[in-house]
C-alpha cells in the first residue's frame, strides 16, 4: 500500500488569522476561497501586492491593533 499525501486546507477566516489580516478587507476571491497550507506558506514567503498593502495600511484586526497599543483586546471598546 502506498501512502498518498493530501494537501490540508483551511477556511479563509483561518488563513486570514494566520496571515494577520482583517478578512472583510481582503479581496472577495480570497474571502470565498479554501486555502491550502502550501498556498498559505507561499503567501507568507512571497505576499501578493494586496496582502502587502493590507498589512502595511490596514484596516487591521483587533488583536493586531491591541498588540501595537500594548493593551488588551477588551481595552479597545
N, C-alpha and C. Protein backbone atom coordinates (compact mmCIF):
# COMPACT_ATOMS: atom_id res chain seq x y z
N UNK A 1 0.84 -1.17 0.00
CA UNK A 1 0.00 0.00 0.00
C UNK A 1 0.89 1.25 0.00
N UNK A 2 0.61 2.19 -0.86
CA UNK A 2 1.37 3.43 -0.90
C UNK A 2 0.59 4.52 -0.21
N UNK A 3 1.28 5.35 0.51
CA UNK A 3 0.60 6.45 1.19
C UNK A 3 0.60 7.67 0.28
N UNK A 4 -0.55 8.26 0.16
CA UNK A 4 -0.70 9.46 -0.65
C UNK A 4 -0.79 10.67 0.25
N UNK A 5 -0.01 11.65 -0.02
CA UNK A 5 -0.01 12.87 0.79
C UNK A 5 -1.10 13.81 0.26
N UNK A 6 -2.05 14.12 1.11
CA UNK A 6 -3.11 15.04 0.70
C UNK A 6 -2.81 16.41 1.27
N UNK A 7 -3.22 17.40 0.57
CA UNK A 7 -2.99 18.77 0.98
C UNK A 7 -4.07 19.21 1.97
N UNK A 8 -3.65 19.68 3.11
CA UNK A 8 -4.61 20.18 4.08
C UNK A 8 -5.08 21.55 3.65
N UNK A 9 -6.35 21.82 3.90
CA UNK A 9 -6.89 23.13 3.53
C UNK A 9 -7.58 23.76 4.72
N UNK A 10 -7.83 25.06 4.62
CA UNK A 10 -8.47 25.80 5.69
C UNK A 10 -9.40 26.85 5.10
N UNK A 11 -10.31 27.29 5.93
CA UNK A 11 -11.22 28.35 5.52
C UNK A 11 -10.46 29.66 5.42
N UNK A 12 -11.01 30.58 4.69
CA UNK A 12 -10.38 31.89 4.51
C UNK A 12 -10.21 32.62 5.85
N UNK A 13 -11.16 32.46 6.76
CA UNK A 13 -11.07 33.12 8.06
C UNK A 13 -9.84 32.64 8.83
N UNK A 14 -9.57 31.35 8.78
CA UNK A 14 -8.40 30.79 9.45
C UNK A 14 -7.12 31.29 8.80
N UNK A 15 -7.10 31.30 7.48
CA UNK A 15 -5.92 31.79 6.75
C UNK A 15 -5.68 33.26 7.06
N UNK A 16 -6.75 34.06 7.12
CA UNK A 16 -6.61 35.48 7.43
C UNK A 16 -6.01 35.67 8.82
N UNK A 17 -6.46 34.88 9.77
CA UNK A 17 -5.93 34.97 11.13
C UNK A 17 -4.44 34.63 11.14
N UNK A 18 -4.05 33.59 10.41
CA UNK A 18 -2.65 33.20 10.36
C UNK A 18 -1.80 34.24 9.64
N UNK A 19 -2.39 34.95 8.67
CA UNK A 19 -1.67 35.99 7.94
C UNK A 19 -1.69 37.33 8.68
N UNK A 20 -2.53 37.45 9.72
CA UNK A 20 -2.62 38.68 10.49
C UNK A 20 -3.34 39.80 9.77
N UNK A 21 -4.39 39.43 9.01
CA UNK A 21 -5.14 40.44 8.26
C UNK A 21 -6.62 40.41 8.66
N UNK A 22 -7.31 41.48 8.36
CA UNK A 22 -8.74 41.62 8.62
C UNK A 22 -9.47 41.07 7.40
N UNK A 23 -10.18 39.95 7.58
CA UNK A 23 -10.79 39.24 6.45
C UNK A 23 -11.72 40.11 5.60
N UNK A 24 -12.63 40.92 6.18
CA UNK A 24 -13.51 41.72 5.32
C UNK A 24 -12.77 42.71 4.40
N UNK A 25 -11.53 43.03 4.72
CA UNK A 25 -10.76 43.96 3.88
C UNK A 25 -10.02 43.24 2.76
N UNK A 26 -9.98 41.91 2.81
CA UNK A 26 -9.29 41.12 1.77
C UNK A 26 -10.15 41.06 0.51
N UNK A 27 -9.53 40.78 -0.64
CA UNK A 27 -10.30 40.66 -1.89
C UNK A 27 -11.36 39.56 -1.79
N UNK A 28 -12.44 39.73 -2.50
CA UNK A 28 -13.55 38.79 -2.49
C UNK A 28 -13.11 37.38 -2.85
N UNK A 29 -12.19 37.25 -3.81
CA UNK A 29 -11.72 35.92 -4.22
C UNK A 29 -11.07 35.20 -3.04
N UNK A 30 -10.32 35.92 -2.22
CA UNK A 30 -9.67 35.33 -1.05
C UNK A 30 -10.72 34.95 -0.01
N UNK A 31 -11.70 35.81 0.21
CA UNK A 31 -12.73 35.56 1.22
C UNK A 31 -13.55 34.30 0.91
N UNK A 32 -13.73 34.00 -0.36
CA UNK A 32 -14.55 32.87 -0.76
C UNK A 32 -13.74 31.60 -1.01
N UNK A 33 -12.42 31.69 -0.94
CA UNK A 33 -11.56 30.56 -1.30
C UNK A 33 -11.32 29.63 -0.11
N UNK A 34 -10.92 28.42 -0.45
CA UNK A 34 -10.38 27.48 0.52
C UNK A 34 -8.88 27.47 0.27
N UNK A 35 -8.11 27.77 1.29
CA UNK A 35 -6.67 27.95 1.16
C UNK A 35 -5.94 26.69 1.63
N UNK A 36 -5.02 26.20 0.83
CA UNK A 36 -4.21 25.05 1.25
C UNK A 36 -3.01 25.55 2.05
N UNK A 37 -2.41 24.65 2.79
CA UNK A 37 -1.22 25.01 3.56
C UNK A 37 -0.09 25.47 2.65
N UNK A 38 0.01 24.85 1.48
CA UNK A 38 1.04 25.24 0.52
C UNK A 38 0.81 26.68 0.05
N UNK A 39 -0.45 27.02 -0.26
CA UNK A 39 -0.77 28.38 -0.69
C UNK A 39 -0.51 29.38 0.44
N UNK A 40 -0.83 29.01 1.66
CA UNK A 40 -0.60 29.88 2.81
C UNK A 40 0.90 30.15 2.99
N UNK A 41 1.70 29.09 2.90
CA UNK A 41 3.15 29.27 3.05
C UNK A 41 3.71 30.13 1.92
N UNK A 42 3.17 29.99 0.72
CA UNK A 42 3.61 30.82 -0.41
C UNK A 42 3.25 32.28 -0.17
N UNK A 43 2.05 32.53 0.36
CA UNK A 43 1.63 33.91 0.66
C UNK A 43 2.49 34.52 1.75
N UNK A 44 2.91 33.71 2.72
CA UNK A 44 3.77 34.22 3.79
C UNK A 44 5.17 34.53 3.26
N UNK A 45 5.68 33.68 2.38
CA UNK A 45 7.03 33.87 1.85
C UNK A 45 7.08 34.97 0.80
N UNK A 46 6.10 35.00 -0.10
CA UNK A 46 6.04 35.99 -1.18
C UNK A 46 4.64 36.59 -1.23
N UNK A 47 4.35 37.55 -0.33
CA UNK A 47 2.98 38.08 -0.28
C UNK A 47 2.59 38.80 -1.57
N UNK A 48 1.36 38.54 -2.05
CA UNK A 48 0.88 39.29 -3.21
C UNK A 48 0.74 40.77 -2.84
N UNK A 49 0.64 41.62 -3.83
CA UNK A 49 0.58 43.07 -3.60
C UNK A 49 -0.56 43.45 -2.66
N UNK A 50 -1.74 42.86 -2.85
CA UNK A 50 -2.89 43.22 -2.00
C UNK A 50 -2.62 42.86 -0.54
N UNK A 51 -1.91 41.77 -0.29
CA UNK A 51 -1.61 41.35 1.08
C UNK A 51 -0.57 42.29 1.71
N UNK A 52 0.46 42.62 0.97
CA UNK A 52 1.47 43.54 1.48
C UNK A 52 0.86 44.91 1.79
N UNK A 53 -0.02 45.39 0.92
CA UNK A 53 -0.69 46.67 1.12
C UNK A 53 -1.60 46.63 2.34
N UNK A 54 -2.34 45.53 2.49
CA UNK A 54 -3.25 45.39 3.62
C UNK A 54 -2.48 45.33 4.94
N UNK A 55 -1.38 44.63 4.96
CA UNK A 55 -0.55 44.56 6.17
C UNK A 55 0.05 45.92 6.51
N UNK A 56 0.42 46.67 5.48
CA UNK A 56 1.07 47.96 5.68
C UNK A 56 0.06 49.04 6.09
N UNK A 57 -1.08 49.10 5.41
CA UNK A 57 -2.01 50.22 5.58
C UNK A 57 -3.29 49.90 6.34
N UNK A 58 -3.60 48.61 6.52
CA UNK A 58 -4.81 48.23 7.25
C UNK A 58 -6.04 48.29 6.38
N UNK A 59 -7.20 48.12 6.91
CA UNK A 59 -7.50 48.03 8.34
C UNK A 59 -6.95 46.74 8.94
N UNK A 60 -6.63 46.83 10.23
CA UNK A 60 -6.01 45.72 10.92
C UNK A 60 -7.01 45.04 11.85
N UNK A 61 -6.82 43.74 12.12
CA UNK A 61 -7.70 43.06 13.07
C UNK A 61 -7.50 43.61 14.48
N UNK A 62 -8.51 43.44 15.31
CA UNK A 62 -8.48 43.97 16.67
C UNK A 62 -7.26 43.47 17.45
N UNK A 63 -6.89 42.21 17.26
CA UNK A 63 -5.76 41.66 18.01
C UNK A 63 -4.45 42.37 17.66
N UNK A 64 -4.28 42.73 16.40
CA UNK A 64 -3.07 43.43 15.96
C UNK A 64 -3.05 44.85 16.52
N UNK A 65 -4.18 45.53 16.46
CA UNK A 65 -4.28 46.90 16.98
C UNK A 65 -3.99 46.91 18.49
N UNK A 66 -4.59 45.98 19.21
CA UNK A 66 -4.38 45.91 20.66
C UNK A 66 -2.91 45.64 20.98
N UNK A 67 -2.30 44.73 20.25
CA UNK A 67 -0.89 44.41 20.50
C UNK A 67 0.00 45.63 20.22
N UNK A 68 -0.28 46.36 19.18
CA UNK A 68 0.53 47.56 18.86
C UNK A 68 0.37 48.64 19.90
N UNK A 69 -0.83 48.72 20.48
CA UNK A 69 -1.08 49.73 21.52
C UNK A 69 -0.64 49.26 22.90
N UNK A 70 -0.37 47.97 23.02
CA UNK A 70 0.05 47.42 24.31
C UNK A 70 -1.08 47.29 25.30
N UNK A 71 -2.29 47.05 24.81
CA UNK A 71 -3.46 46.89 25.67
C UNK A 71 -4.17 45.58 25.33
N UNK A 72 -5.13 45.21 26.15
CA UNK A 72 -5.91 44.01 25.88
C UNK A 72 -6.96 44.33 24.82
N UNK A 73 -7.47 43.28 24.18
CA UNK A 73 -8.49 43.47 23.15
C UNK A 73 -9.73 44.13 23.76
N UNK A 74 -10.09 43.77 24.99
CA UNK A 74 -11.26 44.37 25.63
C UNK A 74 -11.04 45.85 25.92
N UNK A 75 -9.79 46.28 25.97
CA UNK A 75 -9.48 47.70 26.20
C UNK A 75 -9.76 48.57 24.98
N UNK A 76 -10.05 47.96 23.84
CA UNK A 76 -10.35 48.73 22.64
C UNK A 76 -11.77 49.30 22.62
N UNK A 77 -12.62 48.81 23.49
CA UNK A 77 -14.02 49.26 23.49
C UNK A 77 -14.17 50.66 23.98
